[in-house]
Amino acid sequence: MPAGLLEVDGSIDLKQFWPDGRSDADTTKVVLNVGPNAIKFRKDSSSPFHPTHVFEGAKVKGRTNTAPIKNGKVTIRLQGIDATELHYQPSPLSTAEKSGHPAAQLKAYHDLVHSYRQLLGATSTKALHDFLGSTGKTTLDCRVITQVDTPNEVFDTYGRLVGDIELTVNGKLLNLNHWLVEHGWAYPTFYSSMTNDEINALLALAKAARANKTLVWKFLSKVIGPFDFNLREPRVGDTSVLATDKGSAIFPKLFRRYTNFSPRKKAKVTPQNFQAFLVAGSGGKPDICFEIADFLTNGVHSATPHNFANFVVGGKTIKFQPDGLVFKEAPSTLLGPDNKPVSHF
């Protein structure tokens, strides 16, 4: 369990959230404006915070190769949560997938590439937008915190800082990650980079939210139905979609895999069914996960790894709960301006 703590002081522009902007309750595109000494680190609870500049001029090498700080802004992935998608676009076809297919089939796939959404995505995002907007402000000061010991633990494979956002709304200091789960606007979604304490806090909130039959739990489906190609990202300002936004939804991570699969199947660029697609994984890399009790007891190095596909039967029946699995974090490496790994603060 990490003893260190990284803290980032900044502010959030509320206009980025739909319906004013495109950011959603999944909050992977929350942008934090940071000053020159806004990022601080302490090695343990008895040590003082001190500014750190190890991320300046650095790059995160993973599934992308990107700078973690761009023009004084950091992209945040809210740790431990996942909301139903407001917009998710199918991944491009790989070179291997394109091979052997005529141009007409490739065009058929291209014509199906849109930003798709799930039911509840717009409703959840509007709830977050209105909650933060109840302050009457257009920007809110906030603090991002994450338990880490080394710089390489801070950013995910897409260059997003993984942490919790703390801010004050109408005089009350709150953890935004916790608020979204507590009120049923997002599912808990655990990764192997999280500590037991972080997981247990969200488990307790999810238990109460499920018991209260809050939005995402009330509509959680145990079956994967036909993919709806007509359910697209709503335009900025188009709140009319809220009237028809209620209905069954599947776990967002599973929806993203289904969104990658469905246009491929419709355009006939894959012979696989969805179960086989899940088993193979994206680019031949299956999603690896652990059962929650096993992970909490034995940790990431001793818990038994499973293919995520093991918890879906026949590509249709869902055999897991959102808070029942812990997903293995995809690897990334933080490289300094000299292109060498950054090993310490």
Protein backbone atom coordinates (compact mmCIF):
# COMPACT_ATOMS: atom_id res chain seq x y z
CA MET A 1 0.00 0.00 0.00
CA PRO A 2 1.50 3.37 -1.01
CA ALA A 3 2.55 5.63 1.85
CA GLY A 4 2.99 8.71 -0.31
CA LEU A 5 0.38 11.24 -1.41
CA LEU A 6 0.35 13.47 -4.49
CA GLU A 7 -1.79 16.61 -4.40
CA VAL A 8 -2.70 18.93 -7.27
CA ASP A 9 -4.37 22.28 -6.63
CA GLY A 10 -6.32 23.74 -9.51
CA SER A 11 -9.72 24.69 -10.85
CA ILE A 12 -12.41 23.13 -13.01
CA ASP A 13 -14.26 25.00 -15.75
CA LEU A 14 -17.88 23.90 -15.33
CA LYS A 15 -18.76 24.83 -18.92
CA GLN A 16 -17.00 21.69 -20.11
CA PHE A 17 -19.83 19.47 -18.84
CA TRP A 18 -22.74 18.52 -21.08
CA PRO A 19 -25.14 20.10 -21.97
CA ASP A 20 -22.84 23.15 -22.05
CA GLY A 21 -19.87 21.13 -23.32
CA ARG A 22 -18.98 17.51 -24.13
CA SER A 23 -17.53 16.21 -20.85
CA ASP A 24 -19.68 13.61 -19.15
CA ALA A 25 -20.26 12.04 -15.72
CA ASP A 26 -17.59 9.47 -16.59
CA THR A 27 -15.34 12.51 -16.02
CA THR A 28 -12.38 11.16 -17.94
CA LYS A 29 -12.16 14.52 -19.67
CA VAL A 30 -12.24 16.78 -16.64
CA VAL A 31 -9.55 19.39 -17.30
CA LEU A 32 -7.67 20.87 -14.38
CA ASN A 33 -5.91 24.21 -14.73
CA VAL A 34 -2.68 24.14 -12.75
CA GLY A 35 -0.20 26.80 -11.64
CA PRO A 36 3.64 26.55 -11.51
CA ASN A 37 3.78 25.02 -8.00
CA ALA A 38 0.37 23.35 -7.97
CA ILE A 39 1.65 19.77 -7.83
CA LYS A 40 2.97 18.68 -4.45
CA PHE A 41 4.10 15.38 -2.93
CA ARG A 42 4.76 13.97 0.52
CA LYS A 43 6.45 10.61 1.07
CA ASP A 44 4.34 9.70 4.12
CA SER A 45 1.77 11.15 6.51
CA SER A 46 4.43 12.52 8.88
CA SER A 47 6.29 14.40 6.14
CA PRO A 48 5.44 17.86 4.74
CA PHE A 49 4.28 18.43 1.16
CA HIS A 50 6.83 19.90 -1.22
CA PRO A 51 6.36 21.08 -4.83
CA THR A 52 7.44 18.64 -7.52
CA HIS A 53 8.27 19.44 -11.13
CA VAL A 54 9.06 15.94 -12.37
CA PHE A 55 6.13 16.00 -14.81
CA GLU A 56 7.25 19.12 -16.65
CA GLY A 57 8.51 18.23 -20.10
CA ALA A 58 7.70 14.58 -19.45
CA LYS A 59 5.81 12.07 -21.61
CA VAL A 60 3.56 9.16 -20.70
CA LYS A 61 4.29 6.19 -22.94
CA GLY A 62 1.46 3.65 -23.04
CA ARG A 63 -1.35 3.22 -25.50
CA THR A 64 -0.60 6.80 -26.45
CA ASN A 65 2.54 8.91 -26.21
CA THR A 66 1.45 12.16 -24.63
CA ALA A 67 2.54 14.92 -22.29
CA PRO A 68 0.77 14.71 -18.90
CA ILE A 69 0.65 18.52 -18.64
CA LYS A 70 -0.44 20.47 -21.73
CA ASN A 71 -0.61 24.27 -21.60
CA GLY A 72 -1.00 24.18 -17.83
CA LYS A 73 -3.82 21.62 -17.98
CA VAL A 74 -4.06 18.05 -16.70
CA THR A 75 -6.70 15.50 -17.72
CA ILE A 76 -8.17 13.60 -14.77
CA ARG A 77 -9.58 10.07 -14.69
CA LEU A 78 -11.76 9.87 -11.61
CA GLN A 79 -10.44 6.87 -9.71
CA GLY A 80 -12.70 3.96 -8.89
CA ILE A 81 -15.80 5.02 -10.84
CA ASP A 82 -17.36 4.68 -14.30
CA ALA A 83 -20.58 6.27 -15.51
CA THR A 84 -22.72 5.14 -18.43
CA GLU A 85 -21.25 6.54 -21.62
CA LEU A 86 -22.40 9.80 -23.15
CA HIS A 87 -20.07 9.31 -26.11
CA TYR A 88 -17.83 6.43 -27.09
CA GLN A 89 -16.43 5.91 -30.57
CA PRO A 90 -15.45 2.47 -31.89
CA SER A 91 -11.72 1.92 -32.21
CA PRO A 92 -10.06 2.08 -35.64
CA LEU A 93 -9.46 -1.16 -37.51
CA SER A 94 -5.97 -2.54 -37.07
CA THR A 95 -3.78 -3.39 -40.06
CA ALA A 96 -4.52 -7.08 -39.46
CA GLU A 97 -8.26 -6.44 -39.36
CA LYS A 98 -8.14 -4.54 -42.65
CA SER A 99 -6.20 -7.28 -44.39
CA GLY A 100 -8.18 -9.33 -46.90
CA HIS A 101 -11.29 -7.16 -46.83
CA PRO A 102 -12.49 -5.30 -49.94
CA ALA A 103 -12.76 -1.53 -49.90
CA ALA A 104 -16.55 -1.74 -49.71
CA GLN A 105 -16.41 -3.58 -46.39
CA LEU A 106 -13.89 -1.14 -44.97
CA LYS A 107 -16.09 1.74 -46.05
CA ALA A 108 -19.10 0.03 -44.44
CA TYR A 109 -17.19 -0.02 -41.16
CA HIS A 110 -16.08 3.59 -41.54
CA ASP A 111 -19.70 4.62 -42.11
CA LEU A 112 -20.66 3.03 -38.78
CA VAL A 113 -18.02 4.87 -36.75
CA HIS A 114 -19.88 7.43 -34.65
CA SER A 115 -19.90 8.53 -31.03
CA TYR A 116 -22.45 6.19 -29.46
CA ARG A 117 -24.03 6.57 -26.03
CA GLN A 118 -25.80 4.49 -23.41
CA LEU A 119 -29.12 5.21 -21.82
CA LEU A 120 -28.68 7.08 -18.50
CA GLY A 121 -25.51 8.76 -19.78
CA ALA A 122 -27.19 12.09 -20.49
CA THR A 123 -29.24 11.98 -17.28
CA SER A 124 -26.18 11.31 -15.11
CA THR A 125 -24.14 14.01 -16.79
CA LYS A 126 -26.94 16.57 -16.43
CA ALA A 127 -27.15 15.72 -12.71
CA LEU A 128 -23.43 16.40 -12.29
CA HIS A 129 -23.68 19.59 -14.36
CA ASP A 130 -26.58 20.90 -12.29
CA PHE A 131 -25.02 19.91 -8.96
CA LEU A 132 -21.77 21.74 -9.64
CA GLY A 133 -23.66 24.62 -11.25
CA SER A 134 -25.76 25.10 -8.11
CA THR A 135 -22.79 27.04 -6.72
CA GLY A 136 -23.60 29.85 -9.15
CA LYS A 137 -19.98 29.80 -10.35
CA THR A 138 -18.45 28.97 -13.72
CA THR A 139 -15.22 27.62 -12.23
CA LEU A 140 -14.57 25.79 -8.97
CA ASP A 141 -11.33 25.51 -7.05
CA CYS A 142 -10.45 21.90 -6.33
CA ARG A 143 -7.77 19.50 -5.16
CA VAL A 144 -6.86 16.21 -6.78
CA ILE A 145 -5.26 13.57 -4.57
CA THR A 146 -3.82 10.15 -5.30
CA GLN A 147 -1.93 7.68 -3.12
CA VAL A 148 1.37 6.89 -4.86
CA ASP A 149 5.04 6.36 -4.02
CA THR A 150 6.61 6.98 -7.43
CA PRO A 151 5.88 9.32 -10.37
CA ASN A 152 5.20 6.35 -12.65
CA GLU A 153 2.11 5.45 -10.60
CA VAL A 154 0.35 8.77 -11.23
CA PHE A 155 -0.81 8.58 -14.87
CA ASP A 156 -2.66 5.83 -16.71
CA THR A 157 -1.81 4.40 -20.11
CA TYR A 158 -3.69 7.28 -21.81
CA GLY A 159 -1.77 9.98 -19.91
CA ARG A 160 -4.62 10.81 -17.50
CA LEU A 161 -3.95 11.53 -13.84
CA VAL A 162 -5.83 8.91 -11.81
CA GLY A 163 -7.16 10.31 -8.55
CA ASP A 164 -9.97 11.74 -6.43
CA ILE A 165 -11.28 15.27 -6.82
CA GLU A 166 -12.14 17.22 -3.69
CA LEU A 167 -14.07 20.48 -3.93
CA THR A 168 -16.48 22.64 -1.97
CA VAL A 169 -20.10 22.86 -3.10
CA ASN A 170 -22.39 25.24 -1.25
CA GLY A 171 -20.13 25.33 1.79
CA LYS A 172 -19.56 21.57 2.00
CA LEU A 173 -16.24 19.90 1.19
CA LEU A 174 -16.81 16.65 -0.68
CA ASN A 175 -15.11 13.95 -2.67
CA LEU A 176 -16.61 14.07 -6.17
CA ASN A 177 -15.80 10.41 -6.89
CA HIS A 178 -17.71 9.38 -3.78
CA TRP A 179 -20.62 11.73 -4.49
CA LEU A 180 -21.20 10.21 -7.94
CA VAL A 181 -21.30 6.65 -6.57
CA GLU A 182 -23.28 7.56 -3.45
CA HIS A 183 -26.05 9.20 -5.46
CA GLY A 184 -26.21 6.49 -8.10
CA TRP A 185 -24.83 8.48 -11.04
CA ALA A 186 -21.85 6.15 -11.57
CA TYR A 187 -20.81 2.57 -10.90
CA PRO A 188 -17.78 1.72 -8.77
CA THR A 189 -15.08 0.40 -11.09
CA PHE A 190 -11.92 -0.85 -9.46
CA TYR A 191 -8.38 -1.14 -10.80
CA SER A 192 -5.32 -2.91 -9.43
CA SER A 193 -3.61 0.44 -8.82
CA MET A 194 -6.09 1.20 -6.02
CA THR A 195 -5.52 0.53 -2.32
CA ASN A 196 -7.83 -1.61 -0.19
CA ASP A 197 -8.92 1.49 1.73
CA GLU A 198 -9.88 3.28 -1.49
CA ILE A 199 -11.84 0.25 -2.71
CA ASN A 200 -13.60 -0.36 0.61
CA ALA A 201 -14.78 3.25 0.83
CA LEU A 202 -16.48 2.96 -2.56
CA LEU A 203 -17.85 -0.51 -1.78
CA ALA A 204 -19.72 0.90 1.22
CA LEU A 205 -21.17 3.76 -0.84
CA ALA A 206 -22.19 1.39 -3.64
CA LYS A 207 -23.91 -0.93 -1.19
CA ALA A 208 -26.09 1.92 0.06
CA ALA A 209 -26.77 3.21 -3.47
CA ARG A 210 -27.85 -0.27 -4.61
CA ALA A 211 -30.12 -0.69 -1.58
CA ASN A 212 -31.75 2.65 -2.38
CA LYS A 213 -32.28 1.56 -6.01
CA THR A 214 -30.59 4.67 -7.33
CA LEU A 215 -30.53 5.31 -11.07
CA VAL A 216 -27.65 3.16 -12.34
CA TRP A 217 -28.54 0.24 -10.08
CA LYS A 218 -32.26 0.35 -10.87
CA PHE A 219 -31.57 -0.03 -14.60
CA LEU A 220 -28.55 -2.34 -14.47
CA SER A 221 -29.13 -5.16 -16.96
CA LYS A 222 -27.97 -8.77 -16.62
CA VAL A 223 -28.37 -9.32 -20.34
CA ILE A 224 -26.57 -7.78 -23.33
CA GLY A 225 -29.28 -6.83 -25.81
CA PRO A 226 -29.02 -5.80 -29.46
CA PHE A 227 -26.71 -2.86 -30.10
CA ASP A 228 -28.62 0.36 -30.82
CA PHE A 229 -26.87 2.10 -33.72
CA ASN A 230 -29.30 5.01 -33.45
CA LEU A 231 -28.28 5.94 -29.92
CA ARG A 232 -25.70 8.66 -30.58
CA GLU A 233 -23.98 11.38 -28.59
CA PRO A 234 -26.43 14.24 -27.99
CA ARG A 235 -25.57 17.63 -29.41
CA VAL A 236 -24.39 20.32 -27.03
CA GLY A 237 -27.48 21.99 -25.59
CA ASP A 238 -29.90 19.30 -26.81
CA THR A 239 -31.56 18.39 -23.52
CA SER A 240 -34.56 16.90 -25.34
CA VAL A 241 -32.79 13.50 -25.15
CA LEU A 242 -33.40 13.47 -21.38
CA ALA A 243 -37.08 12.64 -21.94
CA THR A 244 -36.17 9.20 -23.37
CA ASP A 245 -32.90 8.56 -21.54
CA LYS A 246 -34.20 6.00 -19.02
CA GLY A 247 -33.76 2.30 -19.74
CA SER A 248 -31.55 -0.74 -19.23
CA ALA A 249 -27.80 -0.28 -19.24
CA ILE A 250 -24.81 -2.59 -19.02
CA PHE A 251 -21.53 -2.04 -17.19
CA PRO A 252 -19.74 0.79 -19.07
CA LYS A 253 -16.51 -1.13 -19.64
CA LEU A 254 -18.54 -3.94 -21.21
CA PHE A 255 -20.47 -1.40 -23.30
CA ARG A 256 -17.20 -0.04 -24.69
CA ARG A 257 -16.14 -3.52 -25.75
CA TYR A 258 -19.59 -4.10 -27.29
CA THR A 259 -19.32 -0.78 -29.15
CA ASN A 260 -15.98 -1.84 -30.62
CA PHE A 261 -17.45 -5.19 -31.67
CA SER A 262 -20.88 -4.28 -33.07
CA PRO A 263 -19.84 -2.16 -36.11
CA ARG A 264 -17.16 -4.72 -36.94
CA LYS A 265 -19.80 -7.45 -36.98
CA LYS A 266 -22.34 -5.42 -38.93
CA ALA A 267 -19.73 -4.46 -41.55
CA LYS A 268 -18.59 -8.13 -41.67
CA VAL A 269 -14.95 -7.36 -40.93
CA THR A 270 -14.91 -9.92 -38.12
CA PRO A 271 -16.18 -13.52 -38.17
CA GLN A 272 -16.26 -13.63 -34.36
CA ASN A 273 -19.28 -13.53 -32.11
CA PHE A 274 -19.15 -11.16 -29.14
CA GLN A 275 -18.01 -13.85 -26.69
CA ALA A 276 -15.02 -14.73 -28.87
CA PHE A 277 -14.28 -11.01 -29.32
CA LEU A 278 -14.18 -10.58 -25.53
CA VAL A 279 -11.97 -13.64 -25.08
CA ALA A 280 -9.43 -12.37 -27.63
CA GLY A 281 -9.40 -8.85 -26.24
CA SER A 282 -8.49 -5.59 -27.92
CA GLY A 283 -5.53 -6.05 -30.25
CA GLY A 284 -5.03 -9.54 -28.89
CA LYS A 285 -4.77 -8.28 -25.31
CA PRO A 286 -7.62 -9.61 -23.14
CA ASP A 287 -8.93 -7.57 -20.20
CA ILE A 288 -7.50 -9.17 -17.05
CA CYS A 289 -9.36 -8.88 -13.77
CA PHE A 290 -9.55 -10.30 -10.25
CA GLU A 291 -12.52 -11.18 -8.09
CA ILE A 292 -12.93 -8.52 -5.41
CA ALA A 293 -12.65 -10.73 -2.29
CA ASP A 294 -9.56 -12.46 -3.68
CA PHE A 295 -7.91 -9.14 -4.53
CA LEU A 296 -8.63 -7.55 -1.15
CA THR A 297 -7.30 -10.61 0.68
CA ASN A 298 -4.30 -11.53 -1.44
CA GLY A 299 -3.33 -8.40 -3.39
CA VAL A 300 -2.47 -7.92 -7.03
CA HIS A 301 0.57 -10.22 -6.98
CA SER A 302 -1.13 -13.23 -5.38
CA ALA A 303 -4.79 -12.98 -6.43
CA THR A 304 -5.88 -15.25 -9.30
CA PRO A 305 -6.13 -13.40 -12.64
CA HIS A 306 -9.12 -14.04 -14.92
CA ASN A 307 -10.07 -13.09 -18.45
CA PHE A 308 -12.95 -10.59 -18.20
CA ALA A 309 -14.77 -12.78 -20.76
CA ASN A 310 -15.10 -15.48 -18.10
CA PHE A 311 -17.79 -13.38 -16.44
CA VAL A 312 -19.97 -13.23 -19.57
CA VAL A 313 -21.74 -16.30 -20.93
CA GLY A 314 -22.51 -16.76 -24.62
CA GLY A 315 -21.85 -13.09 -25.31
CA LYS A 316 -25.19 -12.25 -23.70
CA THR A 317 -25.55 -13.19 -20.02
CA ILE A 318 -23.66 -11.05 -17.50
CA LYS A 319 -22.40 -12.98 -14.46
CA PHE A 320 -20.75 -10.20 -12.47
CA GLN A 321 -21.65 -7.09 -10.50
CA PRO A 322 -19.85 -3.78 -11.18
CA ASP A 323 -18.32 -3.83 -7.70
CA GLY A 324 -17.37 -7.51 -7.90
CA LEU A 325 -14.24 -7.23 -10.05
CA VAL A 326 -10.89 -5.45 -9.96
CA PHE A 327 -9.32 -4.79 -13.37
CA LYS A 328 -5.61 -4.92 -14.01
CA GLU A 329 -4.30 -1.45 -14.80
CA ALA A 330 -2.79 -1.20 -18.28
CA PRO A 331 0.95 -0.42 -18.13
CA SER A 332 2.52 2.95 -18.84
CA THR A 333 5.93 4.54 -18.35
CA LEU A 334 6.67 8.14 -17.42
CA LEU A 335 9.66 9.43 -19.38
CA GLY A 336 11.52 12.65 -18.59
CA PRO A 337 12.78 15.25 -21.09
CA ASP A 338 15.89 13.05 -21.52
CA ASN A 339 13.61 10.15 -22.56
CA LYS A 340 14.62 8.15 -19.49
CA PRO A 341 12.12 6.73 -16.94
CA VAL A 342 11.31 9.08 -14.07
CA SER A 343 11.87 6.98 -10.95
CA HIS A 344 11.45 9.39 -8.02
CA PHE A 345 9.94 12.70 -6.99
